């Protein structure tokens, strides 16, 4: 689900609501999680995210690129090569993901 101007939350209302709007889509946090370990190609992300459709992955990547969370780099090769990586803004979300991992380990998972 791509973000559009008509459904954006006013940035001055609540930073938590605005952040949730960006990362709240299904698969989005897992895409960021995967990119936190380094540059990935589309097929690497698709294999890692069991069950995601190519269409959904494309939409999420496009949305994250529009928000400045990831960079899409295209190489003029045959066949074309496209790589995705986190921006500084995207790497800062790793802190949120690590907090979620810690919470999940402590309270939700039996390890």
PDB file of N, CA and C in Angstrom:
ATOM      1  N   UNK A   1       0.848  -1.172   0.000  1.00  0.00           N
ATOM      2  CA  UNK A   1       0.000   0.000   0.000  1.00  0.00           C
ATOM      3  C   UNK A   1       0.893   1.234   0.000  1.00  0.00           C
ATOM      4  N   UNK A   2       0.902   1.950  -1.052  1.00  0.00           N
ATOM      5  CA  UNK A   2       1.723   3.143  -1.169  1.00  0.00           C
ATOM      6  C   UNK A   2       1.076   4.294  -0.416  1.00  0.00           C
ATOM      7  N   UNK A   3       1.920   5.132   0.138  1.00  0.00           N
ATOM      8  CA  UNK A   3       1.412   6.297   0.842  1.00  0.00           C
ATOM      9  C   UNK A   3       1.069   7.373  -0.173  1.00  0.00           C
ATOM     10  N   UNK A   4      -0.032   8.046   0.049  1.00  0.00           N
ATOM     11  CA  UNK A   4      -0.429   9.136  -0.835  1.00  0.00           C
ATOM     12  C   UNK A   4      -0.640  10.388  -0.014  1.00  0.00           C
ATOM     13  N   UNK A   5      -0.651  11.529  -0.685  1.00  0.00           N
ATOM     14  CA  UNK A   5      -0.840  12.800   0.001  1.00  0.00           C
ATOM     15  C   UNK A   5      -2.129  12.844   0.799  1.00  0.00           C
ATOM     16  N   UNK A   6      -3.180  12.194   0.310  1.00  0.00           N
ATOM     17  CA  UNK A   6      -4.480  12.307   0.951  1.00  0.00           C
ATOM     18  C   UNK A   6      -4.561  11.543   2.267  1.00  0.00           C
ATOM     19  N   UNK A   7      -3.699  10.548   2.482  1.00  0.00           N
ATOM     20  CA  UNK A   7      -3.802   9.811   3.741  1.00  0.00           C
ATOM     21  C   UNK A   7      -2.632  10.073   4.679  1.00  0.00           C
ATOM     22  N   UNK A   8      -1.797  11.055   4.380  1.00  0.00           N
ATOM     23  CA  UNK A   8      -0.691  11.377   5.275  1.00  0.00           C
ATOM     24  C   UNK A   8      -1.202  12.032   6.552  1.00  0.00           C
ATOM     25  N   UNK A   9      -0.607  11.654   7.630  1.00  0.00           N
ATOM     26  CA  UNK A   9      -0.907  12.271   8.912  1.00  0.00           C
ATOM     27  C   UNK A   9      -0.128  13.578   8.978  1.00  0.00           C
ATOM     28  N   UNK A  10      -0.723  14.617   9.500  1.00  0.00           N
ATOM     29  CA  UNK A  10      -0.040  15.895   9.654  1.00  0.00           C
ATOM     30  C   UNK A  10       1.216  15.677  10.486  1.00  0.00           C
ATOM     31  N   UNK A  11       2.371  16.027   9.929  1.00  0.00           N
ATOM     32  CA  UNK A  11       3.651  15.780  10.588  1.00  0.00           C
ATOM     33  C   UNK A  11       3.766  16.488  11.936  1.00  0.00           C
ATOM     34  N   UNK A  12       2.991  17.539  12.163  1.00  0.00           N
ATOM     35  CA  UNK A  12       3.072  18.267  13.421  1.00  0.00           C
ATOM     36  C   UNK A  12       2.202  17.641  14.505  1.00  0.00           C
ATOM     37  N   UNK A  13       1.335  16.693  14.151  1.00  0.00           N
ATOM     38  CA  UNK A  13       0.404  16.123  15.120  1.00  0.00           C
ATOM     39  C   UNK A  13       1.124  15.216  16.114  1.00  0.00           C
ATOM     40  N   UNK A  14       1.797  14.201  15.610  1.00  0.00           N
ATOM     41  CA  UNK A  14       2.413  13.229  16.500  1.00  0.00           C
ATOM     42  C   UNK A  14       3.518  12.476  15.762  1.00  0.00           C
ATOM     43  N   UNK A  15       4.745  12.561  16.247  1.00  0.00           N
ATOM     44  CA  UNK A  15       5.838  11.855  15.575  1.00  0.00           C
ATOM     45  C   UNK A  15       5.670  10.337  15.620  1.00  0.00           C
ATOM     46  N   UNK A  16       5.021   9.827  16.639  1.00  0.00           N
ATOM     47  CA  UNK A  16       4.794   8.378  16.727  1.00  0.00           C
ATOM     48  C   UNK A  16       3.811   7.944  15.639  1.00  0.00           C
ATOM     49  N   UNK A  17       2.736   8.702  15.469  1.00  0.00           N
ATOM     50  CA  UNK A  17       1.750   8.376  14.435  1.00  0.00           C
ATOM     51  C   UNK A  17       2.378   8.463  13.050  1.00  0.00           C
ATOM     52  N   UNK A  18       3.215   9.444  12.821  1.00  0.00           N
ATOM     53  CA  UNK A  18       3.869   9.601  11.513  1.00  0.00           C
ATOM     54  C   UNK A  18       4.823   8.439  11.243  1.00  0.00           C
ATOM     55  N   UNK A  19       5.587   8.044  12.260  1.00  0.00           N
ATOM     56  CA  UNK A  19       6.498   6.905  12.109  1.00  0.00           C
ATOM     57  C   UNK A  19       5.712   5.630  11.862  1.00  0.00           C
ATOM     58  N   UNK A  20       4.636   5.430  12.603  1.00  0.00           N
ATOM     59  CA  UNK A  20       3.796   4.242  12.417  1.00  0.00           C
ATOM     60  C   UNK A  20       3.209   4.208  11.005  1.00  0.00           C
ATOM     61  N   UNK A  21       2.873   5.368  10.474  1.00  0.00           N
ATOM     62  CA  UNK A  21       2.342   5.429   9.113  1.00  0.00           C
ATOM     63  C   UNK A  21       3.374   4.908   8.108  1.00  0.00           C
ATOM     64  N   UNK A  22       4.628   5.235   8.318  1.00  0.00           N
ATOM     65  CA  UNK A  22       5.684   4.821   7.391  1.00  0.00           C
ATOM     66  C   UNK A  22       6.013   3.341   7.537  1.00  0.00           C
ATOM     67  N   UNK A  23       6.142   2.856   8.761  1.00  0.00           N
ATOM     68  CA  UNK A  23       6.628   1.481   8.976  1.00  0.00           C
ATOM     69  C   UNK A  23       5.519   0.485   9.275  1.00  0.00           C
ATOM     70  N   UNK A  24       4.275   0.939   9.326  1.00  0.00           N
ATOM     71  CA  UNK A  24       3.177   0.083   9.753  1.00  0.00           C
ATOM     72  C   UNK A  24       2.673  -0.922   8.730  1.00  0.00           C
ATOM     73  N   UNK A  25       3.057  -0.776   7.479  1.00  0.00           N
ATOM     74  CA  UNK A  25       2.587  -1.711   6.463  1.00  0.00           C
ATOM     75  C   UNK A  25       3.183  -3.091   6.642  1.00  0.00           C
ATOM     76  N   UNK A  26       2.385  -4.106   6.292  1.00  0.00           N
ATOM     77  CA  UNK A  26       2.861  -5.479   6.377  1.00  0.00           C
ATOM     78  C   UNK A  26       4.143  -5.610   5.557  1.00  0.00           C
ATOM     79  N   UNK A  27       5.136  -6.261   6.093  1.00  0.00           N
ATOM     80  CA  UNK A  27       6.432  -6.537   5.476  1.00  0.00           C
ATOM     81  C   UNK A  27       7.441  -5.407   5.616  1.00  0.00           C
ATOM     82  N   UNK A  28       7.006  -4.188   5.874  1.00  0.00           N
ATOM     83  CA  UNK A  28       7.914  -3.042   5.837  1.00  0.00           C
ATOM     84  C   UNK A  28       9.053  -3.184   6.844  1.00  0.00           C
ATOM     85  N   UNK A  29       8.741  -3.501   8.082  1.00  0.00           N
ATOM     86  CA  UNK A  29       9.799  -3.656   9.081  1.00  0.00           C
ATOM     87  C   UNK A  29      10.748  -4.798   8.730  1.00  0.00           C
ATOM     88  N   UNK A  30      10.219  -5.855   8.133  1.00  0.00           N
ATOM     89  CA  UNK A  30      11.076  -6.984   7.760  1.00  0.00           C
ATOM     90  C   UNK A  30      11.992  -6.627   6.587  1.00  0.00           C
ATOM     91  N   UNK A  31      11.539  -5.784   5.700  1.00  0.00           N
ATOM     92  CA  UNK A  31      12.394  -5.299   4.612  1.00  0.00           C
ATOM     93  C   UNK A  31      13.528  -4.467   5.201  1.00  0.00           C
ATOM     94  N   UNK A  32      13.196  -3.575   6.109  1.00  0.00           N
ATOM     95  CA  UNK A  32      14.214  -2.741   6.754  1.00  0.00           C
ATOM     96  C   UNK A  32      15.187  -3.627   7.540  1.00  0.00           C
ATOM     97  N   UNK A  33      14.655  -4.620   8.241  1.00  0.00           N
ATOM     98  CA  UNK A  33      15.504  -5.571   8.979  1.00  0.00           C
ATOM     99  C   UNK A  33      16.520  -6.223   8.050  1.00  0.00           C
ATOM    100  N   UNK A  34      16.065  -6.692   6.901  1.00  0.00           N
ATOM    101  CA  UNK A  34      16.956  -7.365   5.957  1.00  0.00           C
ATOM    102  C   UNK A  34      17.998  -6.413   5.380  1.00  0.00           C
ATOM    103  N   UNK A  35      17.604  -5.188   5.096  1.00  0.00           N
ATOM    104  CA  UNK A  35      18.540  -4.224   4.535  1.00  0.00           C
ATOM    105  C   UNK A  35      19.524  -3.692   5.573  1.00  0.00           C
ATOM    106  N   UNK A  36      19.204  -3.855   6.858  1.00  0.00           N
ATOM    107  CA  UNK A  36      20.120  -3.404   7.910  1.00  0.00           C
ATOM    108  C   UNK A  36      21.442  -4.162   7.867  1.00  0.00           C
ATOM    109  N   UNK A  37      21.426  -5.372   7.313  1.00  0.00           N
ATOM    110  CA  UNK A  37      22.663  -6.160   7.239  1.00  0.00           C
ATOM    111  C   UNK A  37      23.483  -5.837   5.990  1.00  0.00           C
ATOM    112  N   UNK A  38      22.965  -4.979   5.111  1.00  0.00           N
ATOM    113  CA  UNK A  38      23.720  -4.573   3.932  1.00  0.00           C
ATOM    114  C   UNK A  38      22.873  -4.517   2.678  1.00  0.00           C
ATOM    115  N   UNK A  39      23.541  -4.211   1.584  1.00  0.00           N
ATOM    116  CA  UNK A  39      22.899  -4.061   0.277  1.00  0.00           C
ATOM    117  C   UNK A  39      22.279  -5.388  -0.147  1.00  0.00           C
ATOM    118  N   UNK A  40      21.073  -5.306  -0.702  1.00  0.00           N
ATOM    119  CA  UNK A  40      20.372  -6.510  -1.169  1.00  0.00           C
ATOM    120  C   UNK A  40      19.769  -6.243  -2.546  1.00  0.00           C
ATOM    121  N   UNK A  41      19.660  -7.302  -3.319  1.00  0.00           N
ATOM    122  CA  UNK A  41      18.955  -7.256  -4.593  1.00  0.00           C
ATOM    123  C   UNK A  41      17.519  -7.708  -4.365  1.00  0.00           C
ATOM    124  N   UNK A  42      16.651  -7.394  -5.315  1.00  0.00           N
ATOM    125  CA  UNK A  42      15.230  -7.709  -5.204  1.00  0.00           C
ATOM    126  C   UNK A  42      15.019  -9.194  -4.902  1.00  0.00           C
ATOM    127  N   UNK A  43      15.687 -10.066  -5.652  1.00  0.00           N
ATOM    128  CA  UNK A  43      15.463 -11.505  -5.461  1.00  0.00           C
ATOM    129  C   UNK A  43      15.966 -11.992  -4.103  1.00  0.00           C
ATOM    130  N   UNK A  44      16.979 -11.353  -3.549  1.00  0.00           N
ATOM    131  CA  UNK A  44      17.441 -11.715  -2.207  1.00  0.00           C
ATOM    132  C   UNK A  44      16.383 -11.371  -1.165  1.00  0.00           C
ATOM    133  N   UNK A  45      15.785 -10.206  -1.309  1.00  0.00           N
ATOM    134  CA  UNK A  45      14.716  -9.805  -0.391  1.00  0.00           C
ATOM    135  C   UNK A  45      13.514 -10.727  -0.536  1.00  0.00           C
ATOM    136  N   UNK A  46      13.167 -11.031  -1.764  1.00  0.00           N
ATOM    137  CA  UNK A  46      12.013 -11.890  -2.021  1.00  0.00           C
ATOM    138  C   UNK A  46      12.202 -13.276  -1.391  1.00  0.00           C
ATOM    139  N   UNK A  47      13.406 -13.833  -1.500  1.00  0.00           N
ATOM    140  CA  UNK A  47      13.686 -15.148  -0.895  1.00  0.00           C
ATOM    141  C   UNK A  47      13.647 -15.088   0.629  1.00  0.00           C
ATOM    142  N   UNK A  48      14.132 -13.997   1.186  1.00  0.00           N
ATOM    143  CA  UNK A  48      14.180 -13.856   2.640  1.00  0.00           C
ATOM    144  C   UNK A  48      12.787 -13.687   3.251  1.00  0.00           C
ATOM    145  N   UNK A  49      11.903 -13.032   2.525  1.00  0.00           N
ATOM    146  CA  UNK A  49      10.569 -12.704   3.020  1.00  0.00           C
ATOM    147  C   UNK A  49       9.573 -13.725   2.496  1.00  0.00           C
ATOM    148  N   UNK A  50       9.601 -14.899   3.070  1.00  0.00           N
ATOM    149  CA  UNK A  50       8.746 -16.002   2.622  1.00  0.00           C
ATOM    150  C   UNK A  50       7.281 -15.575   2.610  1.00  0.00           C
ATOM    151  N   UNK A  51       6.650 -15.692   1.445  1.00  0.00           N
ATOM    152  CA  UNK A  51       5.229 -15.391   1.340  1.00  0.00           C
ATOM    153  C   UNK A  51       4.907 -14.029   0.750  1.00  0.00           C
ATOM    154  N   UNK A  52       5.895 -13.167   0.595  1.00  0.00           N
ATOM    155  CA  UNK A  52       5.613 -11.855   0.011  1.00  0.00           C
ATOM    156  C   UNK A  52       5.512 -12.003  -1.509  1.00  0.00           C
ATOM    157  N   UNK A  53       4.563 -11.313  -2.099  1.00  0.00           N
ATOM    158  CA  UNK A  53       4.430 -11.361  -3.558  1.00  0.00           C
ATOM    159  C   UNK A  53       5.382 -10.325  -4.164  1.00  0.00           C
ATOM    160  N   UNK A  54       5.832 -10.556  -5.386  1.00  0.00           N
ATOM    161  CA  UNK A  54       6.695  -9.567  -6.046  1.00  0.00           C
ATOM    162  C   UNK A  54       6.041  -8.184  -6.133  1.00  0.00           C
ATOM    163  N   UNK A  55       4.727  -8.157  -6.360  1.00  0.00           N
ATOM    164  CA  UNK A  55       4.013  -6.880  -6.441  1.00  0.00           C
ATOM    165  C   UNK A  55       4.075  -6.135  -5.112  1.00  0.00           C
ATOM    166  N   UNK A  56       3.815  -6.852  -4.025  1.00  0.00           N
ATOM    167  CA  UNK A  56       3.846  -6.222  -2.701  1.00  0.00           C
ATOM    168  C   UNK A  56       5.249  -5.746  -2.375  1.00  0.00           C
ATOM    169  N   UNK A  57       6.251  -6.563  -2.667  1.00  0.00           N
ATOM    170  CA  UNK A  57       7.632  -6.155  -2.401  1.00  0.00           C
ATOM    171  C   UNK A  57       7.973  -4.901  -3.190  1.00  0.00           C
ATOM    172  N   UNK A  58       7.598  -4.853  -4.457  1.00  0.00           N
ATOM    173  CA  UNK A  58       7.854  -3.665  -5.281  1.00  0.00           C
ATOM    174  C   UNK A  58       7.176  -2.427  -4.690  1.00  0.00           C
ATOM    175  N   UNK A  59       5.928  -2.583  -4.261  1.00  0.00           N
ATOM    176  CA  UNK A  59       5.193  -1.453  -3.676  1.00  0.00           C
ATOM    177  C   UNK A  59       5.862  -0.961  -2.398  1.00  0.00           C
ATOM    178  N   UNK A  60       6.256  -1.895  -1.529  1.00  0.00           N
ATOM    179  CA  UNK A  60       6.893  -1.501  -0.266  1.00  0.00           C
ATOM    180  C   UNK A  60       8.232  -0.813  -0.527  1.00  0.00           C
ATOM    181  N   UNK A  61       9.010  -1.352  -1.447  1.00  0.00           N
ATOM    182  CA  UNK A  61      10.305  -0.740  -1.772  1.00  0.00           C
ATOM    183  C   UNK A  61      10.107   0.660  -2.338  1.00  0.00           C
ATOM    184  N   UNK A  62       9.146   0.820  -3.219  1.00  0.00           N
ATOM    185  CA  UNK A  62       8.869   2.135  -3.809  1.00  0.00           C
ATOM    186  C   UNK A  62       8.448   3.133  -2.731  1.00  0.00           C
ATOM    187  N   UNK A  63       7.581   2.696  -1.825  1.00  0.00           N
ATOM    188  CA  UNK A  63       7.116   3.554  -0.738  1.00  0.00           C
ATOM    189  C   UNK A  63       8.275   3.964   0.173  1.00  0.00           C
ATOM    190  N   UNK A  64       9.127   3.017   0.512  1.00  0.00           N
ATOM    191  CA  UNK A  64      10.283   3.319   1.373  1.00  0.00           C
ATOM    192  C   UNK A  64      11.259   4.256   0.670  1.00  0.00           C
ATOM    193  N   UNK A  65      11.392   4.098  -0.632  1.00  0.00           N
ATOM    194  CA  UNK A  65      12.255   5.005  -1.397  1.00  0.00           C
ATOM    195  C   UNK A  65      11.672   6.420  -1.388  1.00  0.00           C
ATOM    196  N   UNK A  66      10.376   6.532  -1.579  1.00  0.00           N
ATOM    197  CA  UNK A  66       9.717   7.848  -1.569  1.00  0.00           C
ATOM    198  C   UNK A  66       9.869   8.539  -0.217  1.00  0.00           C
ATOM    199  N   UNK A  67       9.903   7.764   0.859  1.00  0.00           N
ATOM    200  CA  UNK A  67      10.051   8.326   2.204  1.00  0.00           C
ATOM    201  C   UNK A  67      11.502   8.613   2.569  1.00  0.00           C
ATOM    202  N   UNK A  68      12.435   8.225   1.694  1.00  0.00           N
ATOM    203  CA  UNK A  68      13.848   8.475   1.977  1.00  0.00           C
ATOM    204  C   UNK A  68      14.464   7.463   2.926  1.00  0.00           C
ATOM    205  N   UNK A  69      13.827   6.297   3.065  1.00  0.00           N
ATOM    206  CA  UNK A  69      14.311   5.245   3.968  1.00  0.00           C
ATOM    207  C   UNK A  69      15.331   4.362   3.248  1.00  0.00           C
ATOM    208  N   UNK A  70      15.124   4.129   1.964  1.00  0.00           N
ATOM    209  CA  UNK A  70      16.049   3.301   1.192  1.00  0.00           C
ATOM    210  C   UNK A  70      16.486   4.037  -0.071  1.00  0.00           C
ATOM    211  N   UNK A  71      17.592   3.536  -0.635  1.00  0.00           N
ATOM    212  CA  UNK A  71      18.098   4.013  -1.921  1.00  0.00           C
ATOM    213  C   UNK A  71      18.028   2.844  -2.892  1.00  0.00           C
ATOM    214  N   UNK A  72      17.556   3.121  -4.074  1.00  0.00           N
ATOM    215  CA  UNK A  72      17.516   2.137  -5.162  1.00  0.00           C
ATOM    216  C   UNK A  72      18.596   2.530  -6.157  1.00  0.00           C
ATOM    217  N   UNK A  73      19.545   1.635  -6.370  1.00  0.00           N
ATOM    218  CA  UNK A  73      20.617   1.914  -7.310  1.00  0.00           C
ATOM    219  C   UNK A  73      20.541   0.937  -8.479  1.00  0.00           C
ATOM    220  N   UNK A  74      20.468   1.495  -9.682  1.00  0.00           N
ATOM    221  CA  UNK A  74      20.368   0.691 -10.895  1.00  0.00           C
ATOM    222  C   UNK A  74      21.705   0.717 -11.622  1.00  0.00           C
ATOM    223  N   UNK A  75      22.135  -0.460 -12.084  1.00  0.00           N
ATOM    224  CA  UNK A  75      23.386  -0.577 -12.816  1.00  0.00           C
ATOM    225  C   UNK A  75      23.081  -0.911 -14.267  1.00  0.00           C
ATOM    226  N   UNK A  76      23.746  -0.224 -15.179  1.00  0.00           N
ATOM    227  CA  UNK A  76      23.534  -0.428 -16.615  1.00  0.00           C
ATOM    228  C   UNK A  76      24.306  -1.665 -17.063  1.00  0.00           C
ATOM    229  N   UNK A  77      23.734  -2.812 -16.791  1.00  0.00           N
ATOM    230  CA  UNK A  77      24.323  -4.088 -17.157  1.00  0.00           C
ATOM    231  C   UNK A  77      23.273  -4.911 -17.878  1.00  0.00           C
ATOM    232  N   UNK A  78      23.716  -5.996 -18.493  1.00  0.00           N
ATOM    233  CA  UNK A  78      22.777  -6.930 -19.109  1.00  0.00           C
ATOM    234  C   UNK A  78      22.981  -8.270 -18.427  1.00  0.00           C
ATOM    235  N   UNK A  79      21.981  -8.805 -17.724  1.00  0.00           N
ATOM    236  CA  UNK A  79      20.689  -8.171 -17.421  1.00  0.00           C
ATOM    237  C   UNK A  79      20.864  -7.035 -16.415  1.00  0.00           C
ATOM    238  N   UNK A  80      19.898  -6.117 -16.376  1.00  0.00           N
ATOM    239  CA  UNK A  80      20.002  -4.983 -15.448  1.00  0.00           C
ATOM    240  C   UNK A  80      20.096  -5.468 -13.998  1.00  0.00           C
ATOM    241  N   UNK A  81      20.873  -4.743 -13.220  1.00  0.00           N
ATOM    242  CA  UNK A  81      21.034  -5.084 -11.811  1.00  0.00           C
ATOM    243  C   UNK A  81      20.537  -3.901 -10.982  1.00  0.00           C
ATOM    244  N   UNK A  82      19.709  -4.194  -9.981  1.00  0.00           N
ATOM    245  CA  UNK A  82      19.175  -3.171  -9.082  1.00  0.00           C
ATOM    246  C   UNK A  82      19.490  -3.603  -7.656  1.00  0.00           C
ATOM    247  N   UNK A  83      20.040  -2.677  -6.878  1.00  0.00           N
ATOM    248  CA  UNK A  83      20.358  -2.962  -5.480  1.00  0.00           C
ATOM    249  C   UNK A  83      19.674  -1.940  -4.582  1.00  0.00           C
ATOM    250  N   UNK A  84      19.314  -2.407  -3.400  1.00  0.00           N
ATOM    251  CA  UNK A  84      18.645  -1.565  -2.417  1.00  0.00           C
ATOM    252  C   UNK A  84      19.499  -1.492  -1.161  1.00  0.00           C
ATOM    253  N   UNK A  85      19.538  -0.317  -0.555  1.00  0.00           N
ATOM    254  CA  UNK A  85      20.259  -0.148   0.704  1.00  0.00           C
ATOM    255  C   UNK A  85      19.556   0.920   1.535  1.00  0.00           C
ATOM    256  N   UNK A  86      19.855   0.922   2.818  1.00  0.00           N
ATOM    257  CA  UNK A  86      19.264   1.900   3.721  1.00  0.00           C
ATOM    258  C   UNK A  86      19.993   3.230   3.634  1.00  0.00           C
ATOM    259  N   UNK A  87      19.257   4.303   3.755  1.00  0.00           N
ATOM    260  CA  UNK A  87      19.838   5.632   3.913  1.00  0.00           C
ATOM    261  C   UNK A  87      20.158   5.816   5.401  1.00  0.00           C
ATOM    262  N   UNK A  88      20.726   6.929   5.754  1.00  0.00           N
ATOM    263  CA  UNK A  88      20.952   7.242   7.169  1.00  0.00           C
ATOM    264  C   UNK A  88      19.621   7.248   7.916  1.00  0.00           C
ATOM    265  N   UNK A  89      18.612   7.813   7.295  1.00  0.00           N
ATOM    266  CA  UNK A  89      17.264   7.839   7.877  1.00  0.00           C
ATOM    267  C   UNK A  89      16.762   6.413   8.102  1.00  0.00           C
ATOM    268  N   UNK A  90      17.031   5.528   7.156  1.00  0.00           N
ATOM    269  CA  UNK A  90      16.630   4.130   7.284  1.00  0.00           C
ATOM    270  C   UNK A  90      17.420   3.384   8.344  1.00  0.00           C
ATOM    271  N   UNK A  91      18.726   3.651   8.409  1.00  0.00           N
ATOM    272  CA  UNK A  91      19.556   2.988   9.431  1.00  0.00           C
ATOM    273  C   UNK A  91      19.113   3.373  10.838  1.00  0.00           C
ATOM    274  N   UNK A  92      18.621   4.586  11.003  1.00  0.00           N
ATOM    275  CA  UNK A  92      18.117   5.000  12.319  1.00  0.00           C
ATOM    276  C   UNK A  92      16.912   4.170  12.756  1.00  0.00           C
ATOM    277  N   UNK A  93      16.175   3.612  11.806  1.00  0.00           N
ATOM    278  CA  UNK A  93      15.049   2.734  12.156  1.00  0.00           C
ATOM    279  C   UNK A  93      15.515   1.398  12.734  1.00  0.00           C
ATOM    280  N   UNK A  94      16.768   1.053  12.525  1.00  0.00           N
ATOM    281  CA  UNK A  94      17.308  -0.191  13.091  1.00  0.00           C
ATOM    282  C   UNK A  94      17.193  -0.202  14.606  1.00  0.00           C
ATOM    283  N   UNK A  95      17.288   0.960  15.212  1.00  0.00           N
ATOM    284  CA  UNK A  95      17.141   1.066  16.671  1.00  0.00           C
ATOM    285  C   UNK A  95      15.741   0.618  17.086  1.00  0.00           C
ATOM    286  N   UNK A  96      14.744   1.044  16.325  1.00  0.00           N
ATOM    287  CA  UNK A  96      13.358   0.648  16.596  1.00  0.00           C
ATOM    288  C   UNK A  96      13.212  -0.866  16.452  1.00  0.00           C
ATOM    289  N   UNK A  97      13.784  -1.411  15.392  1.00  0.00           N
ATOM    290  CA  UNK A  97      13.676  -2.850  15.135  1.00  0.00           C
ATOM    291  C   UNK A  97      14.398  -3.640  16.224  1.00  0.00           C
ATOM    292  N   UNK A  98      15.558  -3.182  16.648  1.00  0.00           N
ATOM    293  CA  UNK A  98      16.281  -3.880  17.719  1.00  0.00           C
ATOM    294  C   UNK A  98      15.497  -3.838  19.029  1.00  0.00           C
ATOM    295  N   UNK A  99      14.826  -2.727  19.300  1.00  0.00           N
ATOM    296  CA  UNK A  99      13.977  -2.647  20.497  1.00  0.00           C
ATOM    297  C   UNK A  99      12.830  -3.649  20.406  1.00  0.00           C
ATOM    298  N   UNK A 100      12.252  -3.788  19.216  1.00  0.00           N
ATOM    299  CA  UNK A 100      11.168  -4.752  19.018  1.00  0.00           C
ATOM    300  C   UNK A 100      11.691  -6.178  19.190  1.00  0.00           C
ATOM    301  N   UNK A 101      12.903  -6.444  18.692  1.00  0.00           N
ATOM    302  CA  UNK A 101      13.507  -7.772  18.839  1.00  0.00           C
ATOM    303  C   UNK A 101      13.718  -8.092  20.328  1.00  0.00           C
ATOM    304  N   UNK A 102      14.246  -7.141  21.072  1.00  0.00           N
ATOM    305  CA  UNK A 102      14.481  -7.343  22.510  1.00  0.00           C
ATOM    306  C   UNK A 102      13.175  -7.596  23.251  1.00  0.00           C
ATOM    307  N   UNK A 103      12.166  -6.800  22.951  1.00  0.00           N
ATOM    308  CA  UNK A 103      10.854  -6.975  23.578  1.00  0.00           C
ATOM    309  C   UNK A 103      10.294  -8.363  23.256  1.00  0.00           C
ATOM    310  N   UNK A 104      10.344  -8.721  21.979  1.00  0.00           N
ATOM    311  CA  UNK A 104       9.818 -10.022  21.560  1.00  0.00           C
ATOM    312  C   UNK A 104      10.530 -11.183  22.230  1.00  0.00           C
ATOM    313  N   UNK A 105      11.854 -11.093  22.335  1.00  0.00           N
ATOM    314  CA  UNK A 105      12.611 -12.152  22.999  1.00  0.00           C
ATOM    315  C   UNK A 105      12.241 -12.247  24.476  1.00  0.00           C
ATOM    316  N   UNK A 106      12.092 -11.092  25.113  1.00  0.00           N
ATOM    317  CA  UNK A 106      11.805 -11.091  26.554  1.00  0.00           C
ATOM    318  C   UNK A 106      10.388 -11.534  26.865  1.00  0.00           C
ATOM    319  N   UNK A 107       9.405 -11.061  26.095  1.00  0.00           N
ATOM    320  CA  UNK A 107       8.016 -11.238  26.468  1.00  0.00           C
ATOM    321  C   UNK A 107       7.196 -12.160  25.583  1.00  0.00           C
ATOM    322  N   UNK A 108       7.638 -12.419  24.361  1.00  0.00           N
ATOM    323  CA  UNK A 108       6.770 -13.152  23.434  1.00  0.00           C
ATOM    324  C   UNK A 108       7.314 -14.485  22.959  1.00  0.00           C
ATOM    325  N   UNK A 109       8.611 -14.679  23.027  1.00  0.00           N
ATOM    326  CA  UNK A 109       9.217 -15.907  22.517  1.00  0.00           C
ATOM    327  C   UNK A 109       9.797 -16.736  23.649  1.00  0.00           C
ATOM    328  N   UNK A 110       9.620 -18.030  23.546  1.00  0.00           N
ATOM    329  CA  UNK A 110      10.213 -18.923  24.524  1.00  0.00           C
ATOM    330  C   UNK A 110      11.557 -19.380  24.018  1.00  0.00           C
ATOM    331  N   UNK A 111      12.605 -18.798  24.561  1.00  0.00           N
ATOM    332  CA  UNK A 111      13.956 -19.178  24.140  1.00  0.00           C
ATOM    333  C   UNK A 111      14.707 -19.813  25.279  1.00  0.00           C
TER     334      UNK A 111
END
